[in-house]
């Protein structure tokens, strides 16, 4: 997910992503991605 900040952000914005925005991005994703950790995983071909 962080690839969005490292590559897409510079593609659409002339200013670099600041630390606060990056930290909030990572924290928000961390919270929601906990919901997809499963005890019965399958092969994910991606």
ModelCIF file with pLDDT and N, C-alpha, C, O atoms, coordinates in Angstrom:
data_MODEL
#
_entry.id   MODEL 
#
_entity.id                         1 
_entity.type                       polymer 
_entity.pdbx_number_of_molecules   1 
#
_entity_poly.entity_id                      1 
_entity_poly.type                           'polypeptide(L)' 
_entity_poly.nstd_linkage                   no 
_entity_poly.nstd_monomer                   no 
_entity_poly.pdbx_seq_one_letter_code       
;(UNK)(UNK)(UNK)(UNK)(UNK)(UNK)(UNK)(UNK)(UNK)(UNK)(UNK)(UNK)(UNK)(UNK)(UNK)(UNK)
(UNK)(UNK)(UNK)(UNK)(UNK)(UNK)(UNK)(UNK)(UNK)(UNK)(UNK)(UNK)(UNK)(UNK)(UNK)(UNK)
(UNK)(UNK)(UNK)(UNK)(UNK)(UNK)(UNK)(UNK)(UNK)(UNK)(UNK)(UNK)(UNK)(UNK)
;
_entity_poly.pdbx_seq_one_letter_code_can   XXXXXXXXXXXXXXXXXXXXXXXXXXXXXXXXXXXXXXXXXXXXXX 
_entity_poly.pdbx_strand_id                 A 
#
loop_
_entity_poly_seq.entity_id 
_entity_poly_seq.num 
_entity_poly_seq.mon_id 
_entity_poly_seq.hetero 
1 1  UNK n 
1 2  UNK n 
1 3  UNK n 
1 4  UNK n 
1 5  UNK n 
1 6  UNK n 
1 7  UNK n 
1 8  UNK n 
1 9  UNK n 
1 10 UNK n 
1 11 UNK n 
1 12 UNK n 
1 13 UNK n 
1 14 UNK n 
1 15 UNK n 
1 16 UNK n 
1 17 UNK n 
1 18 UNK n 
1 19 UNK n 
1 20 UNK n 
1 21 UNK n 
1 22 UNK n 
1 23 UNK n 
1 24 UNK n 
1 25 UNK n 
1 26 UNK n 
1 27 UNK n 
1 28 UNK n 
1 29 UNK n 
1 30 UNK n 
1 31 UNK n 
1 32 UNK n 
1 33 UNK n 
1 34 UNK n 
1 35 UNK n 
1 36 UNK n 
1 37 UNK n 
1 38 UNK n 
1 39 UNK n 
1 40 UNK n 
1 41 UNK n 
1 42 UNK n 
1 43 UNK n 
1 44 UNK n 
1 45 UNK n 
1 46 UNK n 
#
_struct_asym.id          A 
_struct_asym.entity_id   1 
#
loop_
_ma_qa_metric.id 
_ma_qa_metric.mode 
_ma_qa_metric.name 
_ma_qa_metric.software_group_id 
_ma_qa_metric.type 
1 global pLDDT . pLDDT 
2 local  pLDDT . pLDDT 
#
_ma_qa_metric_global.metric_id      1 
_ma_qa_metric_global.metric_value   95.76 
_ma_qa_metric_global.model_id       1 
_ma_qa_metric_global.ordinal_id     1 
#
loop_
_ma_qa_metric_local.label_asym_id 
_ma_qa_metric_local.label_comp_id 
_ma_qa_metric_local.label_seq_id 
_ma_qa_metric_local.metric_id 
_ma_qa_metric_local.metric_value 
_ma_qa_metric_local.model_id 
_ma_qa_metric_local.ordinal_id 
A UNK 1  2 98.00 1 1  
A UNK 2  2 98.00 1 2  
A UNK 3  2 98.00 1 3  
A UNK 4  2 97.00 1 4  
A UNK 5  2 97.00 1 5  
A UNK 6  2 96.00 1 6  
A UNK 7  2 96.00 1 7  
A UNK 8  2 97.00 1 8  
A UNK 9  2 96.00 1 9  
A UNK 10 2 95.00 1 10 
A UNK 11 2 95.00 1 11 
A UNK 12 2 94.00 1 12 
A UNK 13 2 90.00 1 13 
A UNK 14 2 86.00 1 14 
A UNK 15 2 87.00 1 15 
A UNK 16 2 90.00 1 16 
A UNK 17 2 95.00 1 17 
A UNK 18 2 95.00 1 18 
A UNK 19 2 97.00 1 19 
A UNK 20 2 97.00 1 20 
A UNK 21 2 97.00 1 21 
A UNK 22 2 97.00 1 22 
A UNK 23 2 98.00 1 23 
A UNK 24 2 98.00 1 24 
A UNK 25 2 98.00 1 25 
A UNK 26 2 98.00 1 26 
A UNK 27 2 98.00 1 27 
A UNK 28 2 98.00 1 28 
A UNK 29 2 98.00 1 29 
A UNK 30 2 98.00 1 30 
A UNK 31 2 98.00 1 31 
A UNK 32 2 98.00 1 32 
A UNK 33 2 98.00 1 33 
A UNK 34 2 97.00 1 34 
A UNK 35 2 96.00 1 35 
A UNK 36 2 97.00 1 36 
A UNK 37 2 93.00 1 37 
A UNK 38 2 92.00 1 38 
A UNK 39 2 89.00 1 39 
A UNK 40 2 92.00 1 40 
A UNK 41 2 96.00 1 41 
A UNK 42 2 97.00 1 42 
A UNK 43 2 98.00 1 43 
A UNK 44 2 98.00 1 44 
A UNK 45 2 98.00 1 45 
A UNK 46 2 96.00 1 46 
#
loop_
_atom_site.group_PDB 
_atom_site.id 
_atom_site.type_symbol 
_atom_site.label_atom_id 
_atom_site.label_alt_id 
_atom_site.label_comp_id 
_atom_site.label_asym_id 
_atom_site.label_entity_id 
_atom_site.label_seq_id 
_atom_site.pdbx_PDB_ins_code 
_atom_site.Cartn_x 
_atom_site.Cartn_y 
_atom_site.Cartn_z 
_atom_site.occupancy 
_atom_site.B_iso_or_equiv 
_atom_site.pdbx_formal_charge 
_atom_site.auth_seq_id 
_atom_site.auth_comp_id 
_atom_site.auth_asym_id 
_atom_site.auth_atom_id 
_atom_site.pdbx_PDB_model_num 
ATOM 1   N N  . UNK A 1 1  ? 0.827   -1.209  0.000   1.00 98.00 ? 1  UNK A N  1 
ATOM 2   C CA . UNK A 1 1  ? 0.000   0.000   0.000   1.00 98.00 ? 1  UNK A CA 1 
ATOM 3   C C  . UNK A 1 1  ? 0.861   1.259   0.000   1.00 98.00 ? 1  UNK A C  1 
ATOM 4   O O  . UNK A 1 1  ? 0.489   2.272   -0.593  1.00 98.00 ? 1  UNK A O  1 
ATOM 5   N N  . UNK A 1 2  ? 2.002   1.193   0.660   1.00 98.00 ? 2  UNK A N  1 
ATOM 6   C CA . UNK A 1 2  ? 2.876   2.357   0.771   1.00 98.00 ? 2  UNK A CA 1 
ATOM 7   C C  . UNK A 1 2  ? 3.478   2.773   -0.569  1.00 98.00 ? 2  UNK A C  1 
ATOM 8   O O  . UNK A 1 2  ? 3.973   3.892   -0.705  1.00 98.00 ? 2  UNK A O  1 
ATOM 9   N N  . UNK A 1 3  ? 3.437   1.878   -1.560  1.00 98.00 ? 3  UNK A N  1 
ATOM 10  C CA . UNK A 1 3  ? 3.890   2.261   -2.897  1.00 98.00 ? 3  UNK A CA 1 
ATOM 11  C C  . UNK A 1 3  ? 3.110   3.471   -3.418  1.00 98.00 ? 3  UNK A C  1 
ATOM 12  O O  . UNK A 1 3  ? 3.627   4.261   -4.208  1.00 98.00 ? 3  UNK A O  1 
ATOM 13  N N  . UNK A 1 4  ? 1.881   3.604   -2.973  1.00 97.00 ? 4  UNK A N  1 
ATOM 14  C CA . UNK A 1 4  ? 1.070   4.760   -3.387  1.00 97.00 ? 4  UNK A CA 1 
ATOM 15  C C  . UNK A 1 4  ? 1.730   6.066   -2.966  1.00 97.00 ? 4  UNK A C  1 
ATOM 16  O O  . UNK A 1 4  ? 1.742   7.033   -3.727  1.00 97.00 ? 4  UNK A O  1 
ATOM 17  N N  . UNK A 1 5  ? 2.280   6.094   -1.756  1.00 97.00 ? 5  UNK A N  1 
ATOM 18  C CA . UNK A 1 5  ? 2.947   7.307   -1.277  1.00 97.00 ? 5  UNK A CA 1 
ATOM 19  C C  . UNK A 1 5  ? 4.284   7.526   -1.980  1.00 97.00 ? 5  UNK A C  1 
ATOM 20  O O  . UNK A 1 5  ? 4.650   8.659   -2.292  1.00 97.00 ? 5  UNK A O  1 
ATOM 21  N N  . UNK A 1 6  ? 5.005   6.444   -2.224  1.00 96.00 ? 6  UNK A N  1 
ATOM 22  C CA . UNK A 1 6  ? 6.353   6.566   -2.767  1.00 96.00 ? 6  UNK A CA 1 
ATOM 23  C C  . UNK A 1 6  ? 6.372   6.899   -4.254  1.00 96.00 ? 6  UNK A C  1 
ATOM 24  O O  . UNK A 1 6  ? 7.311   7.533   -4.737  1.00 96.00 ? 6  UNK A O  1 
ATOM 25  N N  . UNK A 1 7  ? 5.321   6.469   -4.997  1.00 96.00 ? 7  UNK A N  1 
ATOM 26  C CA . UNK A 1 7  ? 5.370   6.639   -6.449  1.00 96.00 ? 7  UNK A CA 1 
ATOM 27  C C  . UNK A 1 7  ? 4.158   7.367   -7.017  1.00 96.00 ? 7  UNK A C  1 
ATOM 28  O O  . UNK A 1 7  ? 4.307   8.202   -7.910  1.00 96.00 ? 7  UNK A O  1 
ATOM 29  N N  . UNK A 1 8  ? 2.965   7.067   -6.516  1.00 97.00 ? 8  UNK A N  1 
ATOM 30  C CA . UNK A 1 8  ? 1.790   7.729   -7.075  1.00 97.00 ? 8  UNK A CA 1 
ATOM 31  C C  . UNK A 1 8  ? 1.662   9.159   -6.567  1.00 97.00 ? 8  UNK A C  1 
ATOM 32  O O  . UNK A 1 8  ? 1.296   10.055  -7.328  1.00 97.00 ? 8  UNK A O  1 
ATOM 33  N N  . UNK A 1 9  ? 1.956   9.377   -5.304  1.00 96.00 ? 9  UNK A N  1 
ATOM 34  C CA . UNK A 1 9  ? 1.880   10.741  -4.766  1.00 96.00 ? 9  UNK A CA 1 
ATOM 35  C C  . UNK A 1 9  ? 2.731   11.706  -5.598  1.00 96.00 ? 9  UNK A C  1 
ATOM 36  O O  . UNK A 1 9  ? 2.221   12.752  -6.001  1.00 96.00 ? 9  UNK A O  1 
ATOM 37  N N  . UNK A 1 10 ? 4.006   11.402  -5.872  1.00 95.00 ? 10 UNK A N  1 
ATOM 38  C CA . UNK A 1 10 ? 4.782   12.328  -6.711  1.00 95.00 ? 10 UNK A CA 1 
ATOM 39  C C  . UNK A 1 10 ? 4.222   12.466  -8.122  1.00 95.00 ? 10 UNK A C  1 
ATOM 40  O O  . UNK A 1 10 ? 4.470   13.471  -8.788  1.00 95.00 ? 10 UNK A O  1 
ATOM 41  N N  . UNK A 1 11 ? 3.471   11.470  -8.585  1.00 95.00 ? 11 UNK A N  1 
ATOM 42  C CA . UNK A 1 11 ? 2.890   11.538  -9.923  1.00 95.00 ? 11 UNK A CA 1 
ATOM 43  C C  . UNK A 1 11 ? 1.775   12.579  -10.005 1.00 95.00 ? 11 UNK A C  1 
ATOM 44  O O  . UNK A 1 11 ? 1.572   13.195  -11.051 1.00 95.00 ? 11 UNK A O  1 
ATOM 45  N N  . UNK A 1 12 ? 1.052   12.774  -8.892  1.00 94.00 ? 12 UNK A N  1 
ATOM 46  C CA . UNK A 1 12 ? -0.098  13.682  -8.930  1.00 94.00 ? 12 UNK A CA 1 
ATOM 47  C C  . UNK A 1 12 ? 0.130   14.973  -8.154  1.00 94.00 ? 12 UNK A C  1 
ATOM 48  O O  . UNK A 1 12 ? -0.649  15.917  -8.290  1.00 94.00 ? 12 UNK A O  1 
ATOM 49  N N  . UNK A 1 13 ? 1.188   15.031  -7.340  1.00 90.00 ? 13 UNK A N  1 
ATOM 50  C CA . UNK A 1 13 ? 1.383   16.199  -6.489  1.00 90.00 ? 13 UNK A CA 1 
ATOM 51  C C  . UNK A 1 13 ? 2.806   16.731  -6.632  1.00 90.00 ? 13 UNK A C  1 
ATOM 52  O O  . UNK A 1 13 ? 3.761   15.964  -6.758  1.00 90.00 ? 13 UNK A O  1 
ATOM 53  N N  . UNK A 1 14 ? 2.929   18.041  -6.611  1.00 86.00 ? 14 UNK A N  1 
ATOM 54  C CA . UNK A 1 14 ? 4.255   18.663  -6.727  1.00 86.00 ? 14 UNK A CA 1 
ATOM 55  C C  . UNK A 1 14 ? 4.960   18.759  -5.378  1.00 86.00 ? 14 UNK A C  1 
ATOM 56  O O  . UNK A 1 14 ? 6.156   19.047  -5.328  1.00 86.00 ? 14 UNK A O  1 
ATOM 57  N N  . UNK A 1 15 ? 4.239   18.524  -4.292  1.00 87.00 ? 15 UNK A N  1 
ATOM 58  C CA . UNK A 1 15 ? 4.869   18.611  -2.977  1.00 87.00 ? 15 UNK A CA 1 
ATOM 59  C C  . UNK A 1 15 ? 5.044   17.213  -2.385  1.00 87.00 ? 15 UNK A C  1 
ATOM 60  O O  . UNK A 1 15 ? 4.197   16.344  -2.598  1.00 87.00 ? 15 UNK A O  1 
ATOM 61  N N  . UNK A 1 16 ? 6.112   16.989  -1.656  1.00 90.00 ? 16 UNK A N  1 
ATOM 62  C CA . UNK A 1 16 ? 6.356   15.661  -1.084  1.00 90.00 ? 16 UNK A CA 1 
ATOM 63  C C  . UNK A 1 16 ? 5.373   15.353  0.037   1.00 90.00 ? 16 UNK A C  1 
ATOM 64  O O  . UNK A 1 16 ? 4.833   16.256  0.676   1.00 90.00 ? 16 UNK A O  1 
ATOM 65  N N  . UNK A 1 17 ? 5.155   14.071  0.262   1.00 95.00 ? 17 UNK A N  1 
ATOM 66  C CA . UNK A 1 17 ? 4.291   13.659  1.365   1.00 95.00 ? 17 UNK A CA 1 
ATOM 67  C C  . UNK A 1 17 ? 5.006   13.937  2.685   1.00 95.00 ? 17 UNK A C  1 
ATOM 68  O O  . UNK A 1 17 ? 6.176   13.587  2.844   1.00 95.00 ? 17 UNK A O  1 
ATOM 69  N N  . UNK A 1 18 ? 4.318   14.555  3.618   1.00 95.00 ? 18 UNK A N  1 
ATOM 70  C CA . UNK A 1 18 ? 4.972   14.866  4.892   1.00 95.00 ? 18 UNK A CA 1 
ATOM 71  C C  . UNK A 1 18 ? 4.832   13.696  5.862   1.00 95.00 ? 18 UNK A C  1 
ATOM 72  O O  . UNK A 1 18 ? 4.046   12.775  5.639   1.00 95.00 ? 18 UNK A O  1 
ATOM 73  N N  . UNK A 1 19 ? 5.603   13.752  6.931   1.00 97.00 ? 19 UNK A N  1 
ATOM 74  C CA . UNK A 1 19 ? 5.643   12.638  7.883   1.00 97.00 ? 19 UNK A CA 1 
ATOM 75  C C  . UNK A 1 19 ? 4.284   12.378  8.524   1.00 97.00 ? 19 UNK A C  1 
ATOM 76  O O  . UNK A 1 19 ? 3.900   11.229  8.744   1.00 97.00 ? 19 UNK A O  1 
ATOM 77  N N  . UNK A 1 20 ? 3.560   13.458  8.819   1.00 97.00 ? 20 UNK A N  1 
ATOM 78  C CA . UNK A 1 20 ? 2.256   13.277  9.460   1.00 97.00 ? 20 UNK A CA 1 
ATOM 79  C C  . UNK A 1 20 ? 1.303   12.517  8.530   1.00 97.00 ? 20 UNK A C  1 
ATOM 80  O O  . UNK A 1 20 ? 0.628   11.580  8.957   1.00 97.00 ? 20 UNK A O  1 
ATOM 81  N N  . UNK A 1 21 ? 1.256   12.919  7.280   1.00 97.00 ? 21 UNK A N  1 
ATOM 82  C CA . UNK A 1 21 ? 0.366   12.255  6.327   1.00 97.00 ? 21 UNK A CA 1 
ATOM 83  C C  . UNK A 1 21 ? 0.762   10.792  6.151   1.00 97.00 ? 21 UNK A C  1 
ATOM 84  O O  . UNK A 1 21 ? -0.106  9.922   6.070   1.00 97.00 ? 21 UNK A O  1 
ATOM 85  N N  . UNK A 1 22 ? 2.063   10.512  6.091   1.00 97.00 ? 22 UNK A N  1 
ATOM 86  C CA . UNK A 1 22 ? 2.514   9.134   5.935   1.00 97.00 ? 22 UNK A CA 1 
ATOM 87  C C  . UNK A 1 22 ? 2.139   8.298   7.167   1.00 97.00 ? 22 UNK A C  1 
ATOM 88  O O  . UNK A 1 22 ? 1.655   7.174   7.035   1.00 97.00 ? 22 UNK A O  1 
ATOM 89  N N  . UNK A 1 23 ? 2.362   8.846   8.346   1.00 98.00 ? 23 UNK A N  1 
ATOM 90  C CA . UNK A 1 23 ? 2.042   8.105   9.565   1.00 98.00 ? 23 UNK A CA 1 
ATOM 91  C C  . UNK A 1 23 ? 0.550   7.810   9.659   1.00 98.00 ? 23 UNK A C  1 
ATOM 92  O O  . UNK A 1 23 ? 0.154   6.710   10.044  1.00 98.00 ? 23 UNK A O  1 
ATOM 93  N N  . UNK A 1 24 ? -0.272  8.786   9.309   1.00 98.00 ? 24 UNK A N  1 
ATOM 94  C CA . UNK A 1 24 ? -1.726  8.579   9.361   1.00 98.00 ? 24 UNK A CA 1 
ATOM 95  C C  . UNK A 1 24 ? -2.169  7.539   8.320   1.00 98.00 ? 24 UNK A C  1 
ATOM 96  O O  . UNK A 1 24 ? -3.057  6.728   8.582   1.00 98.00 ? 24 UNK A O  1 
ATOM 97  N N  . UNK A 1 25 ? -1.552  7.574   7.159   1.00 98.00 ? 25 UNK A N  1 
ATOM 98  C CA . UNK A 1 25 ? -1.845  6.602   6.108   1.00 98.00 ? 25 UNK A CA 1 
ATOM 99  C C  . UNK A 1 25 ? -1.551  5.186   6.610   1.00 98.00 ? 25 UNK A C  1 
ATOM 100 O O  . UNK A 1 25 ? -2.386  4.290   6.492   1.00 98.00 ? 25 UNK A O  1 
ATOM 101 N N  . UNK A 1 26 ? -0.360  4.999   7.168   1.00 98.00 ? 26 UNK A N  1 
ATOM 102 C CA . UNK A 1 26 ? 0.041   3.674   7.624   1.00 98.00 ? 26 UNK A CA 1 
ATOM 103 C C  . UNK A 1 26 ? -0.830  3.199   8.800   1.00 98.00 ? 26 UNK A C  1 
ATOM 104 O O  . UNK A 1 26 ? -1.182  2.023   8.881   1.00 98.00 ? 26 UNK A O  1 
ATOM 105 N N  . UNK A 1 27 ? -1.166  4.107   9.692   1.00 98.00 ? 27 UNK A N  1 
ATOM 106 C CA . UNK A 1 27 ? -1.993  3.732   10.838  1.00 98.00 ? 27 UNK A CA 1 
ATOM 107 C C  . UNK A 1 27 ? -3.397  3.329   10.393  1.00 98.00 ? 27 UNK A C  1 
ATOM 108 O O  . UNK A 1 27 ? -3.954  2.353   10.896  1.00 98.00 ? 27 UNK A O  1 
ATOM 109 N N  . UNK A 1 28 ? -3.966  4.076   9.454   1.00 98.00 ? 28 UNK A N  1 
ATOM 110 C CA . UNK A 1 28 ? -5.312  3.761   8.977   1.00 98.00 ? 28 UNK A CA 1 
ATOM 111 C C  . UNK A 1 28 ? -5.329  2.383   8.306   1.00 98.00 ? 28 UNK A C  1 
ATOM 112 O O  . UNK A 1 28 ? -6.223  1.575   8.556   1.00 98.00 ? 28 UNK A O  1 
ATOM 113 N N  . UNK A 1 29 ? -4.343  2.129   7.461   1.00 98.00 ? 29 UNK A N  1 
ATOM 114 C CA . UNK A 1 29 ? -4.300  0.832   6.788   1.00 98.00 ? 29 UNK A CA 1 
ATOM 115 C C  . UNK A 1 29 ? -4.033  -0.293  7.785   1.00 98.00 ? 29 UNK A C  1 
ATOM 116 O O  . UNK A 1 29 ? -4.612  -1.373  7.663   1.00 98.00 ? 29 UNK A O  1 
ATOM 117 N N  . UNK A 1 30 ? -3.184  -0.063  8.748   1.00 98.00 ? 30 UNK A N  1 
ATOM 118 C CA . UNK A 1 30 ? -2.883  -1.101  9.733   1.00 98.00 ? 30 UNK A CA 1 
ATOM 119 C C  . UNK A 1 30 ? -4.160  -1.538  10.457  1.00 98.00 ? 30 UNK A C  1 
ATOM 120 O O  . UNK A 1 30 ? -4.378  -2.729  10.680  1.00 98.00 ? 30 UNK A O  1 
ATOM 121 N N  . UNK A 1 31 ? -4.989  -0.575  10.816  1.00 98.00 ? 31 UNK A N  1 
ATOM 122 C CA . UNK A 1 31 ? -6.212  -0.897  11.543  1.00 98.00 ? 31 UNK A CA 1 
ATOM 123 C C  . UNK A 1 31 ? -7.163  -1.747  10.700  1.00 98.00 ? 31 UNK A C  1 
ATOM 124 O O  . UNK A 1 31 ? -7.709  -2.737  11.187  1.00 98.00 ? 31 UNK A O  1 
ATOM 125 N N  . UNK A 1 32 ? -7.361  -1.362  9.435   1.00 98.00 ? 32 UNK A N  1 
ATOM 126 C CA . UNK A 1 32 ? -8.355  -2.091  8.631   1.00 98.00 ? 32 UNK A CA 1 
ATOM 127 C C  . UNK A 1 32 ? -7.803  -3.434  8.155   1.00 98.00 ? 32 UNK A C  1 
ATOM 128 O O  . UNK A 1 32 ? -8.563  -4.390  8.004   1.00 98.00 ? 32 UNK A O  1 
ATOM 129 N N  . UNK A 1 33 ? -6.498  -3.523  7.918   1.00 98.00 ? 33 UNK A N  1 
ATOM 130 C CA . UNK A 1 33 ? -5.939  -4.780  7.425   1.00 98.00 ? 33 UNK A CA 1 
ATOM 131 C C  . UNK A 1 33 ? -5.943  -5.878  8.484   1.00 98.00 ? 33 UNK A C  1 
ATOM 132 O O  . UNK A 1 33 ? -5.811  -7.058  8.158   1.00 98.00 ? 33 UNK A O  1 
ATOM 133 N N  . UNK A 1 34 ? -6.090  -5.497  9.733   1.00 97.00 ? 34 UNK A N  1 
ATOM 134 C CA . UNK A 1 34 ? -6.226  -6.528  10.765  1.00 97.00 ? 34 UNK A CA 1 
ATOM 135 C C  . UNK A 1 34 ? -7.482  -7.365  10.543  1.00 97.00 ? 34 UNK A C  1 
ATOM 136 O O  . UNK A 1 34 ? -7.551  -8.512  10.984  1.00 97.00 ? 34 UNK A O  1 
ATOM 137 N N  . UNK A 1 35 ? -8.473  -6.794  9.861   1.00 96.00 ? 35 UNK A N  1 
ATOM 138 C CA . UNK A 1 35 ? -9.732  -7.498  9.633   1.00 96.00 ? 35 UNK A CA 1 
ATOM 139 C C  . UNK A 1 35 ? -9.611  -8.598  8.588   1.00 96.00 ? 35 UNK A C  1 
ATOM 140 O O  . UNK A 1 35 ? -10.508 -9.433  8.470   1.00 96.00 ? 35 UNK A O  1 
ATOM 141 N N  . UNK A 1 36 ? -8.519  -8.616  7.828   1.00 97.00 ? 36 UNK A N  1 
ATOM 142 C CA . UNK A 1 36 ? -8.396  -9.630  6.774   1.00 97.00 ? 36 UNK A CA 1 
ATOM 143 C C  . UNK A 1 36 ? -7.371  -10.702 7.123   1.00 97.00 ? 36 UNK A C  1 
ATOM 144 O O  . UNK A 1 36 ? -7.088  -11.569 6.296   1.00 97.00 ? 36 UNK A O  1 
ATOM 145 N N  . UNK A 1 37 ? -6.820  -10.664 8.307   1.00 93.00 ? 37 UNK A N  1 
ATOM 146 C CA . UNK A 1 37 ? -5.944  -11.744 8.746   1.00 93.00 ? 37 UNK A CA 1 
ATOM 147 C C  . UNK A 1 37 ? -6.822  -12.947 9.098   1.00 93.00 ? 37 UNK A C  1 
ATOM 148 O O  . UNK A 1 37 ? -7.717  -12.840 9.936   1.00 93.00 ? 37 UNK A O  1 
ATOM 149 N N  . UNK A 1 38 ? -6.570  -14.068 8.469   1.00 92.00 ? 38 UNK A N  1 
ATOM 150 C CA . UNK A 1 38 ? -7.456  -15.220 8.598   1.00 92.00 ? 38 UNK A CA 1 
ATOM 151 C C  . UNK A 1 38 ? -6.722  -16.427 9.164   1.00 92.00 ? 38 UNK A C  1 
ATOM 152 O O  . UNK A 1 38 ? -5.532  -16.624 8.920   1.00 92.00 ? 38 UNK A O  1 
ATOM 153 N N  . UNK A 1 39 ? -7.450  -17.219 9.917   1.00 89.00 ? 39 UNK A N  1 
ATOM 154 C CA . UNK A 1 39 ? -6.878  -18.442 10.489  1.00 89.00 ? 39 UNK A CA 1 
ATOM 155 C C  . UNK A 1 39 ? -6.992  -19.617 9.526   1.00 89.00 ? 39 UNK A C  1 
ATOM 156 O O  . UNK A 1 39 ? -6.441  -20.687 9.785   1.00 89.00 ? 39 UNK A O  1 
ATOM 157 N N  . UNK A 1 40 ? -7.707  -19.426 8.411   1.00 92.00 ? 40 UNK A N  1 
ATOM 158 C CA . UNK A 1 40 ? -7.859  -20.469 7.400   1.00 92.00 ? 40 UNK A CA 1 
ATOM 159 C C  . UNK A 1 40 ? -7.439  -19.931 6.035   1.00 92.00 ? 40 UNK A C  1 
ATOM 160 O O  . UNK A 1 40 ? -8.272  -19.748 5.148   1.00 92.00 ? 40 UNK A O  1 
ATOM 161 N N  . UNK A 1 41 ? -6.149  -19.680 5.875   1.00 96.00 ? 41 UNK A N  1 
ATOM 162 C CA . UNK A 1 41 ? -5.687  -19.085 4.617   1.00 96.00 ? 41 UNK A CA 1 
ATOM 163 C C  . UNK A 1 41 ? -5.734  -20.061 3.448   1.00 96.00 ? 41 UNK A C  1 
ATOM 164 O O  . UNK A 1 41 ? -5.659  -21.277 3.624   1.00 96.00 ? 41 UNK A O  1 
ATOM 165 N N  . UNK A 1 42 ? -5.859  -19.505 2.268   1.00 97.00 ? 42 UNK A N  1 
ATOM 166 C CA . UNK A 1 42 ? -5.786  -20.277 1.023   1.00 97.00 ? 42 UNK A CA 1 
ATOM 167 C C  . UNK A 1 42 ? -4.616  -19.743 0.207   1.00 97.00 ? 42 UNK A C  1 
ATOM 168 O O  . UNK A 1 42 ? -4.022  -18.721 0.552   1.00 97.00 ? 42 UNK A O  1 
ATOM 169 N N  . UNK A 1 43 ? -4.295  -20.434 -0.866  1.00 98.00 ? 43 UNK A N  1 
ATOM 170 C CA . UNK A 1 43 ? -3.285  -19.890 -1.762  1.00 98.00 ? 43 UNK A CA 1 
ATOM 171 C C  . UNK A 1 43 ? -3.871  -18.682 -2.491  1.00 98.00 ? 43 UNK A C  1 
ATOM 172 O O  . UNK A 1 43 ? -4.918  -18.782 -3.131  1.00 98.00 ? 43 UNK A O  1 
ATOM 173 N N  . UNK A 1 44 ? -3.200  -17.559 -2.390  1.00 98.00 ? 44 UNK A N  1 
ATOM 174 C CA . UNK A 1 44 ? -3.595  -16.328 -3.078  1.00 98.00 ? 44 UNK A CA 1 
ATOM 175 C C  . UNK A 1 44 ? -2.625  -16.129 -4.233  1.00 98.00 ? 44 UNK A C  1 
ATOM 176 O O  . UNK A 1 44 ? -1.427  -15.949 -4.016  1.00 98.00 ? 44 UNK A O  1 
ATOM 177 N N  . UNK A 1 45 ? -3.136  -16.161 -5.460  1.00 98.00 ? 45 UNK A N  1 
ATOM 178 C CA . UNK A 1 45 ? -2.275  -16.086 -6.640  1.00 98.00 ? 45 UNK A CA 1 
ATOM 179 C C  . UNK A 1 45 ? -1.846  -14.659 -6.955  1.00 98.00 ? 45 UNK A C  1 
ATOM 180 O O  . UNK A 1 45 ? -0.869  -14.446 -7.674  1.00 98.00 ? 45 UNK A O  1 
ATOM 181 N N  . UNK A 1 46 ? -2.571  -13.681 -6.421  1.00 96.00 ? 46 UNK A N  1 
ATOM 182 C CA . UNK A 1 46 ? -2.228  -12.257 -6.450  1.00 96.00 ? 46 UNK A CA 1 
ATOM 183 C C  . UNK A 1 46 ? -2.489  -11.550 -7.782  1.00 96.00 ? 46 UNK A C  1 
ATOM 184 O O  . UNK A 1 46 ? -2.233  -10.352 -7.905  1.00 96.00 ? 46 UNK A O  1 
#
